[in-house]
Structure formats: structure tokens, C-alpha cells
């Protein structure tokens, strides 16, 4: 399929999804449903790096929404040489994996915007890998450190239809070895 035809199909599908859910009043007081979200953004506090993630939330009341979040951030990747004539080669990489859960407190209204604050706790896993090759040897050294972290977030969901919308969130983490933040925006789907 040609690129122009694919674009037309994607636009038609997107328009159909948007129109099928009108009127688009926020389902912010629903309980017994699930809200799955996919997001992209960045982290700060360990330098500035990209981040992708996903979450699952299940509203239990008009105001309380327990959630589970997972995000991944590739931190640093660089190649290097070593030895007298720089004949040895190496690659260093590092990444951060965040798995956390908690509760969001939403501020409901009759609008399509649903702002919230969140409190949670989870695990930050900082992983590094160093690969070297040269002088007849090859070596790989992998290391990781797990930190328990508390987090506080503020964000909002905007319902485009009864089931689909956009979200944005800023989250701060406090752990024993790390203090960092994550800003992200993405899309969500409310089911059933």
C-alpha cells in the first residue's frame, strides 16, 4: 500500500473513532471500568532522556483511582576505544525501569477535563552494561541497582469521546539514591 493511501486510511479510522463516541462527556465518575494509557515524554534529574510508558487504572469510586505504571528510559549509550593504539573497542549503555503503583485522587466536574493528584510507591531499577572486545578477549559486565521510591504526581485526562482521550502527567520520585522527575503525555482508552 502506498504511503498516501495508508495516511488516508489512518485519517479515516481516526475520524471514525472520534465521531463514534460523540457526545464526548467525561466518564469521570464511572467505577468498575479500566483505563489503559500509553505515554511518551522525558525524565529529568539524571540528565534529560526520553521515556515511554504505560499504565492501567481502575476507578473504585468517584474520586479514588488505583493505578499501576511502568516506564522505561534509555539513559546513556556510547562507544569507546582503549589500549595503546586504541585497538580495543567497547560499548557502555544504561537504562532506568520504573514500576510503581498507587492511587490518584480525581477532581470531577461536568467538563471533559479530569484533573488529578497521585501518590504512590514502587521500584526504580537502574541498569548498566559494558561490553569490551580487544586483545583477544571479550567481556561483558552487567550491573543493576534497585531502589524503592515514593512518588507524587499531578495530571489530567481529557476525554475526546466517552472511551478515548489524551492525558498528561508530571511525576516526581524520591528514592534513597535518586531524585528525579518524569513528564509525559499520551493517549488512553476506557473499557468496557
N, C-alpha and C. Protein backbone atom coordinates (compact mmCIF):
# COMPACT_ATOMS: atom_id res chain seq x y z
N UNK A 1 0.85 -1.17 0.00
CA UNK A 1 0.00 0.00 0.00
C UNK A 1 0.90 1.24 0.00
N UNK A 2 0.58 2.20 -0.84
CA UNK A 2 1.36 3.42 -0.93
C UNK A 2 1.18 4.27 0.32
N UNK A 3 2.17 5.12 0.57
CA UNK A 3 2.16 5.97 1.76
C UNK A 3 0.90 6.85 1.82
N UNK A 4 0.53 7.46 0.73
CA UNK A 4 -0.65 8.33 0.70
C UNK A 4 -1.92 7.55 1.03
N UNK A 5 -2.03 6.33 0.54
CA UNK A 5 -3.20 5.51 0.83
C UNK A 5 -3.24 5.12 2.30
N UNK A 6 -2.08 4.81 2.89
CA UNK A 6 -2.03 4.48 4.32
C UNK A 6 -2.46 5.67 5.16
N UNK A 7 -2.00 6.85 4.79
CA UNK A 7 -2.37 8.07 5.53
C UNK A 7 -3.87 8.28 5.47
N UNK A 8 -4.48 8.12 4.29
CA UNK A 8 -5.93 8.28 4.15
C UNK A 8 -6.68 7.27 5.02
N UNK A 9 -6.21 6.02 5.05
CA UNK A 9 -6.87 5.00 5.87
C UNK A 9 -6.76 5.37 7.35
N UNK A 10 -5.57 5.79 7.79
CA UNK A 10 -5.39 6.16 9.19
C UNK A 10 -6.25 7.36 9.58
N UNK A 11 -6.34 8.35 8.71
CA UNK A 11 -7.18 9.51 8.99
C UNK A 11 -8.64 9.11 9.05
N UNK A 12 -9.08 8.25 8.15
CA UNK A 12 -10.47 7.79 8.16
C UNK A 12 -10.80 7.02 9.43
N UNK A 13 -9.90 6.14 9.86
CA UNK A 13 -10.12 5.37 11.09
C UNK A 13 -10.16 6.30 12.29
N UNK A 14 -9.23 7.25 12.36
CA UNK A 14 -9.20 8.19 13.48
C UNK A 14 -10.47 9.03 13.52
N UNK A 15 -10.90 9.52 12.38
CA UNK A 15 -12.13 10.32 12.33
C UNK A 15 -13.33 9.49 12.74
N UNK A 16 -13.40 8.26 12.30
CA UNK A 16 -14.50 7.38 12.68
C UNK A 16 -14.54 7.12 14.18
N UNK A 17 -13.37 6.90 14.78
CA UNK A 17 -13.32 6.70 16.23
C UNK A 17 -13.78 7.94 16.99
N UNK A 18 -13.35 9.11 16.52
CA UNK A 18 -13.73 10.34 17.19
C UNK A 18 -15.22 10.61 17.09
N UNK A 19 -15.80 10.40 15.91
CA UNK A 19 -17.22 10.68 15.70
C UNK A 19 -18.08 9.63 16.40
N UNK A 20 -17.63 8.38 16.47
CA UNK A 20 -18.47 7.31 17.03
C UNK A 20 -18.78 7.49 18.50
N UNK A 21 -17.97 8.25 19.22
CA UNK A 21 -18.20 8.40 20.64
C UNK A 21 -18.88 9.68 21.03
N UNK A 22 -19.31 10.51 20.10
CA UNK A 22 -19.94 11.78 20.45
C UNK A 22 -21.32 11.53 21.04
N UNK A 23 -21.80 12.28 21.99
CA UNK A 23 -21.15 13.41 22.63
C UNK A 23 -20.05 12.95 23.57
N UNK A 24 -19.06 13.78 23.74
CA UNK A 24 -17.85 13.41 24.44
C UNK A 24 -17.82 13.92 25.88
N UNK A 25 -18.75 13.49 26.68
CA UNK A 25 -18.74 13.89 28.08
C UNK A 25 -17.86 12.93 28.87
N UNK A 26 -17.06 13.47 29.76
CA UNK A 26 -16.11 12.67 30.52
C UNK A 26 -16.82 11.63 31.36
N UNK A 27 -16.29 10.45 31.36
CA UNK A 27 -16.83 9.35 32.16
C UNK A 27 -16.11 9.30 33.49
N UNK A 28 -15.92 10.46 34.08
CA UNK A 28 -15.06 10.57 35.26
C UNK A 28 -15.65 9.99 36.52
N UNK A 29 -16.92 9.68 36.56
CA UNK A 29 -17.49 9.10 37.77
C UNK A 29 -17.75 7.61 37.61
N UNK A 30 -17.33 7.02 36.50
CA UNK A 30 -17.52 5.59 36.29
C UNK A 30 -16.67 4.79 37.25
N UNK A 31 -17.24 3.72 37.76
CA UNK A 31 -16.48 2.75 38.53
C UNK A 31 -16.64 1.40 37.87
N UNK A 32 -15.75 0.49 38.16
CA UNK A 32 -15.84 -0.84 37.57
C UNK A 32 -15.40 -0.88 36.12
N UNK A 33 -14.66 0.11 35.68
CA UNK A 33 -14.11 0.12 34.32
C UNK A 33 -12.58 0.14 34.43
N UNK A 34 -11.93 -0.03 33.33
CA UNK A 34 -10.48 0.08 33.28
C UNK A 34 -10.07 1.21 32.37
N UNK A 35 -8.96 1.82 32.68
CA UNK A 35 -8.40 2.87 31.81
C UNK A 35 -6.96 2.48 31.53
N UNK A 36 -6.67 2.17 30.27
CA UNK A 36 -5.32 1.82 29.88
C UNK A 36 -4.73 3.00 29.12
N UNK A 37 -3.47 3.34 29.40
CA UNK A 37 -2.84 4.51 28.78
C UNK A 37 -1.44 4.16 28.29
N UNK A 38 -1.04 4.81 27.20
CA UNK A 38 0.31 4.71 26.67
C UNK A 38 0.84 6.13 26.55
N UNK A 39 2.09 6.35 26.99
CA UNK A 39 2.62 7.71 27.02
C UNK A 39 4.07 7.75 26.59
N UNK A 40 4.50 8.96 26.25
CA UNK A 40 5.90 9.23 25.93
C UNK A 40 6.24 10.59 26.51
N UNK A 41 7.47 10.75 26.86
CA UNK A 41 7.89 12.02 27.45
C UNK A 41 9.37 11.98 27.76
N UNK A 42 9.72 12.49 28.92
CA UNK A 42 11.12 12.53 29.29
C UNK A 42 11.30 12.52 30.79
N UNK A 43 12.50 12.14 31.21
CA UNK A 43 12.85 12.20 32.62
C UNK A 43 13.89 13.28 32.81
N UNK A 44 13.95 13.83 34.01
CA UNK A 44 14.95 14.83 34.34
C UNK A 44 15.42 14.54 35.76
N UNK A 45 16.64 14.93 36.06
CA UNK A 45 17.24 14.62 37.34
C UNK A 45 18.40 13.66 37.19
N UNK A 46 18.43 12.89 36.13
CA UNK A 46 19.55 12.02 35.75
C UNK A 46 20.04 12.47 34.37
N UNK A 47 20.02 13.75 34.12
CA UNK A 47 20.18 14.27 32.78
C UNK A 47 18.80 14.37 32.17
N UNK A 48 18.73 14.62 30.90
CA UNK A 48 17.44 14.69 30.20
C UNK A 48 17.40 13.56 29.18
N UNK A 49 16.43 12.67 29.32
CA UNK A 49 16.35 11.48 28.47
C UNK A 49 14.89 11.20 28.13
N UNK A 50 14.69 10.55 27.00
CA UNK A 50 13.35 10.16 26.59
C UNK A 50 12.81 9.05 27.46
N UNK A 51 11.49 8.88 27.42
CA UNK A 51 10.85 7.87 28.25
C UNK A 51 9.55 7.42 27.58
N UNK A 52 9.24 6.13 27.68
CA UNK A 52 7.97 5.60 27.21
C UNK A 52 7.35 4.80 28.35
N UNK A 53 6.02 4.73 28.36
CA UNK A 53 5.40 4.00 29.45
C UNK A 53 3.96 3.64 29.18
N UNK A 54 3.40 2.94 30.13
CA UNK A 54 2.00 2.55 30.07
C UNK A 54 1.45 2.42 31.47
N UNK A 55 0.14 2.50 31.57
CA UNK A 55 -0.48 2.37 32.89
C UNK A 55 -1.85 1.72 32.76
N UNK A 56 -2.29 1.18 33.88
CA UNK A 56 -3.63 0.62 34.00
C UNK A 56 -4.24 1.18 35.27
N UNK A 57 -5.42 1.76 35.16
CA UNK A 57 -6.12 2.33 36.31
C UNK A 57 -7.53 1.77 36.35
N UNK A 58 -8.03 1.55 37.58
CA UNK A 58 -9.38 1.01 37.77
C UNK A 58 -10.09 1.87 38.82
N UNK A 59 -10.95 2.80 38.39
CA UNK A 59 -11.64 3.66 39.35
C UNK A 59 -12.51 2.83 40.31
N UNK A 60 -12.33 3.09 41.62
CA UNK A 60 -13.12 2.38 42.62
C UNK A 60 -14.22 3.26 43.20
N UNK A 61 -14.12 4.56 43.00
CA UNK A 61 -15.17 5.48 43.44
C UNK A 61 -15.10 6.72 42.55
N UNK A 62 -15.95 7.68 42.85
CA UNK A 62 -15.97 8.92 42.07
C UNK A 62 -14.63 9.64 42.15
N UNK A 63 -13.93 9.48 43.26
CA UNK A 63 -12.69 10.24 43.47
C UNK A 63 -11.41 9.39 43.48
N UNK A 64 -11.47 8.13 43.85
CA UNK A 64 -10.27 7.31 44.01
C UNK A 64 -10.06 6.37 42.82
N UNK A 65 -8.80 6.40 42.30
CA UNK A 65 -8.45 5.58 41.13
C UNK A 65 -7.11 4.90 41.39
N UNK A 66 -7.11 3.64 41.85
CA UNK A 66 -5.84 2.91 41.97
C UNK A 66 -5.22 2.69 40.59
N UNK A 67 -3.87 2.71 40.54
CA UNK A 67 -3.17 2.57 39.25
C UNK A 67 -1.90 1.77 39.40
N UNK A 68 -1.44 1.25 38.26
CA UNK A 68 -0.12 0.62 38.12
C UNK A 68 0.53 1.26 36.90
N UNK A 69 1.76 1.77 37.06
CA UNK A 69 2.51 2.40 35.97
C UNK A 69 3.81 1.65 35.72
N UNK A 70 4.21 1.60 34.46
CA UNK A 70 5.51 1.07 34.07
C UNK A 70 6.09 2.03 33.05
N UNK A 71 7.36 2.42 33.23
CA UNK A 71 8.01 3.26 32.22
C UNK A 71 9.46 2.82 32.05
N UNK A 72 10.01 3.11 30.87
CA UNK A 72 11.37 2.73 30.53
C UNK A 72 12.06 3.94 29.92
N UNK A 73 13.29 4.18 30.35
CA UNK A 73 14.08 5.30 29.83
C UNK A 73 15.49 4.83 29.51
N UNK A 74 15.88 4.85 28.24
CA UNK A 74 17.29 4.60 27.93
C UNK A 74 18.09 5.84 28.33
N UNK A 75 19.12 5.66 29.14
CA UNK A 75 19.84 6.82 29.67
C UNK A 75 21.04 7.19 28.80
N UNK A 76 22.09 6.39 28.85
CA UNK A 76 23.32 6.73 28.14
C UNK A 76 23.76 5.53 27.31
N UNK A 77 24.27 5.81 26.13
CA UNK A 77 24.87 4.78 25.30
C UNK A 77 26.01 5.43 24.53
N UNK A 78 27.21 4.89 24.71
CA UNK A 78 28.34 5.43 23.97
C UNK A 78 29.39 4.36 23.74
N UNK A 79 30.08 4.50 22.64
CA UNK A 79 31.18 3.61 22.31
C UNK A 79 32.50 4.23 22.72
N UNK A 80 33.48 3.40 22.99
CA UNK A 80 34.80 3.90 23.38
C UNK A 80 35.88 2.95 22.88
N UNK A 81 37.08 3.45 22.83
CA UNK A 81 38.25 2.65 22.47
C UNK A 81 39.23 2.67 23.64
N UNK A 82 40.07 1.64 23.69
CA UNK A 82 41.07 1.59 24.76
C UNK A 82 42.31 0.87 24.25
N UNK A 83 43.37 0.93 25.01
CA UNK A 83 44.63 0.30 24.65
C UNK A 83 45.61 1.32 24.10
N UNK A 84 46.86 0.88 23.92
CA UNK A 84 47.92 1.79 23.48
C UNK A 84 47.61 2.44 22.13
N UNK A 85 47.12 1.68 21.20
CA UNK A 85 46.82 2.23 19.88
C UNK A 85 45.31 2.26 19.63
N UNK A 86 44.54 2.28 20.70
CA UNK A 86 43.08 2.34 20.63
C UNK A 86 42.51 1.20 19.78
N UNK A 87 43.08 0.01 19.93
CA UNK A 87 42.59 -1.13 19.16
C UNK A 87 41.48 -1.89 19.87
N UNK A 88 41.31 -1.68 21.17
CA UNK A 88 40.21 -2.29 21.89
C UNK A 88 38.96 -1.44 21.74
N UNK A 89 37.84 -2.07 21.64
CA UNK A 89 36.58 -1.34 21.47
C UNK A 89 35.61 -1.73 22.57
N UNK A 90 34.73 -0.79 22.90
CA UNK A 90 33.75 -1.07 23.94
C UNK A 90 32.47 -0.30 23.73
N UNK A 91 31.43 -0.72 24.43
CA UNK A 91 30.13 -0.05 24.38
C UNK A 91 29.57 -0.03 25.80
N UNK A 92 29.15 1.14 26.25
CA UNK A 92 28.53 1.30 27.56
C UNK A 92 27.10 1.75 27.36
N UNK A 93 26.16 1.12 28.05
CA UNK A 93 24.75 1.52 28.00
C UNK A 93 24.18 1.53 29.41
N UNK A 94 23.16 2.37 29.62
CA UNK A 94 22.44 2.37 30.89
C UNK A 94 20.98 2.70 30.64
N UNK A 95 20.12 2.26 31.56
CA UNK A 95 18.68 2.50 31.41
C UNK A 95 18.03 2.52 32.78
N UNK A 96 16.82 3.05 32.81
CA UNK A 96 16.03 3.13 34.03
C UNK A 96 14.66 2.51 33.77
N UNK A 97 14.27 1.58 34.62
CA UNK A 97 12.95 0.96 34.57
C UNK A 97 12.21 1.37 35.83
N UNK A 98 11.00 1.85 35.67
CA UNK A 98 10.16 2.29 36.79
C UNK A 98 8.89 1.46 36.81
N UNK A 99 8.63 0.79 37.93
CA UNK A 99 7.39 0.05 38.13
C UNK A 99 6.81 0.57 39.44
N UNK A 100 5.63 1.17 39.39
CA UNK A 100 5.05 1.73 40.60
C UNK A 100 3.53 1.64 40.57
N UNK A 101 2.95 1.79 41.73
CA UNK A 101 1.51 1.77 41.86
C UNK A 101 1.09 2.76 42.94
N UNK A 102 -0.17 3.05 42.97
CA UNK A 102 -0.66 3.99 43.96
C UNK A 102 -2.11 4.33 43.73
N UNK A 103 -2.48 5.53 44.13
CA UNK A 103 -3.86 5.97 43.96
C UNK A 103 -3.87 7.41 43.46
N UNK A 104 -4.77 7.67 42.53
CA UNK A 104 -5.00 9.03 42.04
C UNK A 104 -6.29 9.55 42.67
N UNK A 105 -6.27 10.78 43.04
CA UNK A 105 -7.46 11.45 43.57
C UNK A 105 -7.91 12.43 42.50
N UNK A 106 -9.06 12.16 41.90
CA UNK A 106 -9.51 13.00 40.80
C UNK A 106 -10.52 14.03 41.28
N UNK A 107 -10.53 15.14 40.57
CA UNK A 107 -11.42 16.26 40.88
C UNK A 107 -12.46 16.32 39.77
N UNK A 108 -13.61 15.75 40.03
CA UNK A 108 -14.62 15.59 38.99
C UNK A 108 -15.40 16.88 38.76
N UNK A 109 -15.90 17.01 37.56
CA UNK A 109 -16.73 18.15 37.16
C UNK A 109 -17.59 17.70 35.98
N UNK A 110 -18.33 18.60 35.41
CA UNK A 110 -19.15 18.27 34.23
C UNK A 110 -18.39 18.47 32.93
N UNK A 111 -17.13 18.89 33.03
CA UNK A 111 -16.33 19.13 31.83
C UNK A 111 -15.65 17.86 31.35
N UNK A 112 -15.01 17.93 30.21
CA UNK A 112 -14.30 16.78 29.66
C UNK A 112 -12.90 16.63 30.25
N UNK A 113 -12.43 17.63 30.99
CA UNK A 113 -11.14 17.58 31.68
C UNK A 113 -11.33 16.95 33.05
N UNK A 114 -10.45 16.04 33.41
CA UNK A 114 -10.47 15.41 34.72
C UNK A 114 -9.07 15.55 35.34
N UNK A 115 -8.84 16.61 36.13
CA UNK A 115 -7.53 16.76 36.78
C UNK A 115 -7.42 15.81 37.98
N UNK A 116 -6.17 15.48 38.35
CA UNK A 116 -5.95 14.59 39.49
C UNK A 116 -4.60 14.85 40.12
N UNK A 117 -4.45 14.38 41.35
CA UNK A 117 -3.15 14.29 42.02
C UNK A 117 -2.98 12.82 42.39
N UNK A 118 -1.74 12.37 42.46
CA UNK A 118 -1.50 10.97 42.76
C UNK A 118 -0.40 10.78 43.78
N UNK A 119 -0.50 9.70 44.52
CA UNK A 119 0.52 9.27 45.48
C UNK A 119 0.80 7.81 45.22
N UNK A 120 2.08 7.45 45.27
CA UNK A 120 2.40 6.06 45.01
C UNK A 120 3.77 5.67 45.50
N UNK A 121 4.11 4.42 45.27
CA UNK A 121 5.42 3.87 45.62
C UNK A 121 5.74 2.77 44.63
N UNK A 122 7.02 2.51 44.49
CA UNK A 122 7.41 1.46 43.57
C UNK A 122 8.89 1.24 43.53
N UNK A 123 9.36 0.69 42.44
CA UNK A 123 10.75 0.29 42.27
C UNK A 123 11.37 1.03 41.09
N UNK A 124 12.54 1.62 41.32
CA UNK A 124 13.36 2.18 40.25
C UNK A 124 14.54 1.24 40.06
N UNK A 125 14.72 0.73 38.83
CA UNK A 125 15.83 -0.18 38.55
C UNK A 125 16.77 0.49 37.56
N UNK A 126 17.95 0.84 38.03
CA UNK A 126 18.99 1.44 37.19
C UNK A 126 19.92 0.31 36.74
N UNK A 127 20.02 0.11 35.43
CA UNK A 127 20.83 -0.97 34.87
C UNK A 127 21.93 -0.40 33.99
N UNK A 128 23.11 -1.01 34.06
CA UNK A 128 24.23 -0.62 33.19
C UNK A 128 24.83 -1.87 32.58
N UNK A 129 25.42 -1.70 31.42
CA UNK A 129 26.10 -2.79 30.73
C UNK A 129 27.32 -2.24 30.03
N UNK A 130 28.42 -2.95 30.16
CA UNK A 130 29.66 -2.55 29.49
C UNK A 130 30.20 -3.77 28.74
N UNK A 131 30.39 -3.60 27.44
CA UNK A 131 30.89 -4.66 26.58
C UNK A 131 32.24 -4.22 26.02
N UNK A 132 33.24 -5.06 26.16
CA UNK A 132 34.56 -4.73 25.60
C UNK A 132 35.05 -5.89 24.76
N UNK A 133 35.81 -5.54 23.73
CA UNK A 133 36.38 -6.53 22.84
C UNK A 133 37.72 -6.02 22.33
N UNK A 134 38.72 -6.82 22.50
CA UNK A 134 40.04 -6.44 22.01
C UNK A 134 41.12 -7.26 22.68
N UNK A 135 42.25 -7.31 22.05
CA UNK A 135 43.43 -8.02 22.57
C UNK A 135 43.12 -9.49 22.84
N UNK A 136 42.27 -10.06 21.99
CA UNK A 136 41.96 -11.48 22.07
C UNK A 136 40.94 -11.85 23.14
N UNK A 137 40.34 -10.87 23.79
CA UNK A 137 39.33 -11.19 24.81
C UNK A 137 38.06 -10.37 24.57
N UNK A 138 36.99 -10.93 25.04
CA UNK A 138 35.70 -10.25 25.01
C UNK A 138 35.10 -10.35 26.41
N UNK A 139 34.55 -9.25 26.90
CA UNK A 139 33.96 -9.26 28.25
C UNK A 139 32.70 -8.41 28.27
N UNK A 140 31.74 -8.86 29.05
CA UNK A 140 30.52 -8.10 29.29
C UNK A 140 30.31 -8.01 30.80
N UNK A 141 30.07 -6.80 31.27
CA UNK A 141 29.80 -6.59 32.69
C UNK A 141 28.44 -5.93 32.80
N UNK A 142 27.52 -6.60 33.47
CA UNK A 142 26.18 -6.07 33.69
C UNK A 142 26.01 -5.78 35.18
N UNK A 143 25.41 -4.66 35.50
CA UNK A 143 25.14 -4.31 36.89
C UNK A 143 23.79 -3.63 36.97
N UNK A 144 23.13 -3.77 38.11
CA UNK A 144 21.85 -3.08 38.31
C UNK A 144 21.68 -2.79 39.79
N UNK A 145 20.89 -1.78 40.04
CA UNK A 145 20.57 -1.39 41.41
C UNK A 145 19.08 -1.10 41.49
N UNK A 146 18.44 -1.65 42.50
CA UNK A 146 17.01 -1.43 42.73
C UNK A 146 16.84 -0.48 43.90
N UNK A 147 16.02 0.55 43.72
CA UNK A 147 15.70 1.50 44.79
C UNK A 147 14.20 1.56 44.96
N UNK A 148 13.75 1.46 46.20
CA UNK A 148 12.34 1.74 46.49
C UNK A 148 12.15 3.25 46.43
N UNK A 149 11.07 3.68 45.82
CA UNK A 149 10.84 5.11 45.62
C UNK A 149 9.39 5.47 45.89
N UNK A 150 9.19 6.60 46.52
CA UNK A 150 7.86 7.18 46.64
C UNK A 150 7.68 8.18 45.52
N UNK A 151 6.44 8.42 45.11
CA UNK A 151 6.21 9.40 44.05
C UNK A 151 4.94 10.20 44.30
N UNK A 152 4.96 11.39 43.76
CA UNK A 152 3.82 12.30 43.79
C UNK A 152 3.60 12.78 42.36
N UNK A 153 2.34 12.83 41.93
CA UNK A 153 2.08 13.24 40.55
C UNK A 153 0.90 14.21 40.50
N UNK A 154 0.89 14.96 39.41
CA UNK A 154 -0.24 15.82 39.09
C UNK A 154 -0.48 15.67 37.59
N UNK A 155 -1.73 15.58 37.19
CA UNK A 155 -2.02 15.37 35.79
C UNK A 155 -3.48 15.62 35.47
N UNK A 156 -3.83 15.31 34.24
CA UNK A 156 -5.21 15.48 33.79
C UNK A 156 -5.48 14.55 32.62
N UNK A 157 -6.74 14.12 32.52
CA UNK A 157 -7.21 13.37 31.37
C UNK A 157 -8.22 14.25 30.64
N UNK A 158 -8.15 14.23 29.32
CA UNK A 158 -9.11 14.95 28.50
C UNK A 158 -9.84 13.94 27.63
N UNK A 159 -11.15 13.81 27.83
CA UNK A 159 -11.96 12.85 27.08
C UNK A 159 -12.38 13.46 25.75
N UNK A 160 -11.91 12.87 24.65
CA UNK A 160 -12.33 13.28 23.31
C UNK A 160 -13.67 12.61 23.00
N UNK A 161 -13.79 11.34 23.36
CA UNK A 161 -15.05 10.60 23.28
C UNK A 161 -15.30 9.98 24.65
N UNK A 162 -16.34 9.18 24.76
CA UNK A 162 -16.61 8.51 26.03
C UNK A 162 -15.54 7.49 26.40
N UNK A 163 -14.76 7.05 25.41
CA UNK A 163 -13.78 6.00 25.65
C UNK A 163 -12.34 6.38 25.35
N UNK A 164 -12.11 7.41 24.58
CA UNK A 164 -10.77 7.75 24.11
C UNK A 164 -10.42 9.18 24.49
N UNK A 165 -9.16 9.40 24.83
CA UNK A 165 -8.74 10.75 25.15
C UNK A 165 -7.25 10.89 25.26
N UNK A 166 -6.85 12.05 25.72
CA UNK A 166 -5.44 12.38 25.89
C UNK A 166 -5.16 12.62 27.37
N UNK A 167 -3.95 12.31 27.77
CA UNK A 167 -3.56 12.54 29.16
C UNK A 167 -2.20 13.19 29.23
N UNK A 168 -1.96 13.87 30.34
CA UNK A 168 -0.65 14.45 30.61
C UNK A 168 -0.39 14.34 32.10
N UNK A 169 0.90 14.17 32.45
CA UNK A 169 1.24 13.99 33.85
C UNK A 169 2.67 14.40 34.11
N UNK A 170 2.90 14.97 35.29
CA UNK A 170 4.24 15.24 35.80
C UNK A 170 4.35 14.49 37.12
N UNK A 171 5.41 13.70 37.25
CA UNK A 171 5.58 12.86 38.44
C UNK A 171 6.98 13.06 39.01
N UNK A 172 7.06 13.23 40.32
CA UNK A 172 8.34 13.34 40.99
C UNK A 172 8.61 12.11 41.84
N UNK A 173 9.86 11.64 41.84
CA UNK A 173 10.26 10.44 42.57
C UNK A 173 11.30 10.80 43.62
N UNK A 174 11.18 10.18 44.78
CA UNK A 174 12.20 10.32 45.82
C UNK A 174 12.61 8.91 46.24
N UNK A 175 13.89 8.60 46.03
CA UNK A 175 14.44 7.31 46.42
C UNK A 175 15.72 7.57 47.21
N UNK A 176 16.28 6.52 47.78
CA UNK A 176 17.48 6.67 48.58
C UNK A 176 18.64 7.25 47.77
N UNK A 177 18.83 6.78 46.54
CA UNK A 177 19.96 7.22 45.73
C UNK A 177 19.58 8.18 44.60
N UNK A 178 18.32 8.31 44.31
CA UNK A 178 17.89 9.12 43.16
C UNK A 178 16.75 10.06 43.54
N UNK A 179 16.76 11.24 42.94
CA UNK A 179 15.64 12.18 42.98
C UNK A 179 15.44 12.60 41.54
N UNK A 180 14.31 12.28 40.97
CA UNK A 180 14.10 12.58 39.57
C UNK A 180 12.64 12.86 39.29
N UNK A 181 12.36 13.31 38.09
CA UNK A 181 11.00 13.58 37.67
C UNK A 181 10.75 13.03 36.28
N UNK A 182 9.49 12.88 35.95
CA UNK A 182 9.09 12.40 34.62
C UNK A 182 7.89 13.22 34.17
N UNK A 183 7.97 13.75 32.97
CA UNK A 183 6.86 14.46 32.35
C UNK A 183 6.46 13.66 31.11
N UNK A 184 5.16 13.41 30.97
CA UNK A 184 4.71 12.58 29.84
C UNK A 184 3.33 13.01 29.40
N UNK A 185 3.05 12.69 28.16
CA UNK A 185 1.71 12.86 27.61
C UNK A 185 1.43 11.68 26.71
N UNK A 186 0.15 11.38 26.54
CA UNK A 186 -0.17 10.21 25.75
C UNK A 186 -1.64 10.09 25.47
N UNK A 187 -2.06 8.88 25.15
CA UNK A 187 -3.45 8.58 24.84
C UNK A 187 -3.95 7.52 25.81
N UNK A 188 -5.27 7.51 26.04
CA UNK A 188 -5.84 6.48 26.90
C UNK A 188 -7.12 5.95 26.28
N UNK A 189 -7.49 4.77 26.75
CA UNK A 189 -8.72 4.12 26.33
C UNK A 189 -9.43 3.59 27.57
N UNK A 190 -10.71 3.94 27.72
CA UNK A 190 -11.52 3.45 28.84
C UNK A 190 -12.36 2.29 28.35
N UNK A 191 -12.30 1.18 29.08
CA UNK A 191 -13.07 0.00 28.69
C UNK A 191 -13.81 -0.53 29.90
N UNK A 192 -14.84 -1.28 29.80
CA UNK A 192 -15.65 -1.60 28.63
C UNK A 192 -16.53 -0.47 28.22
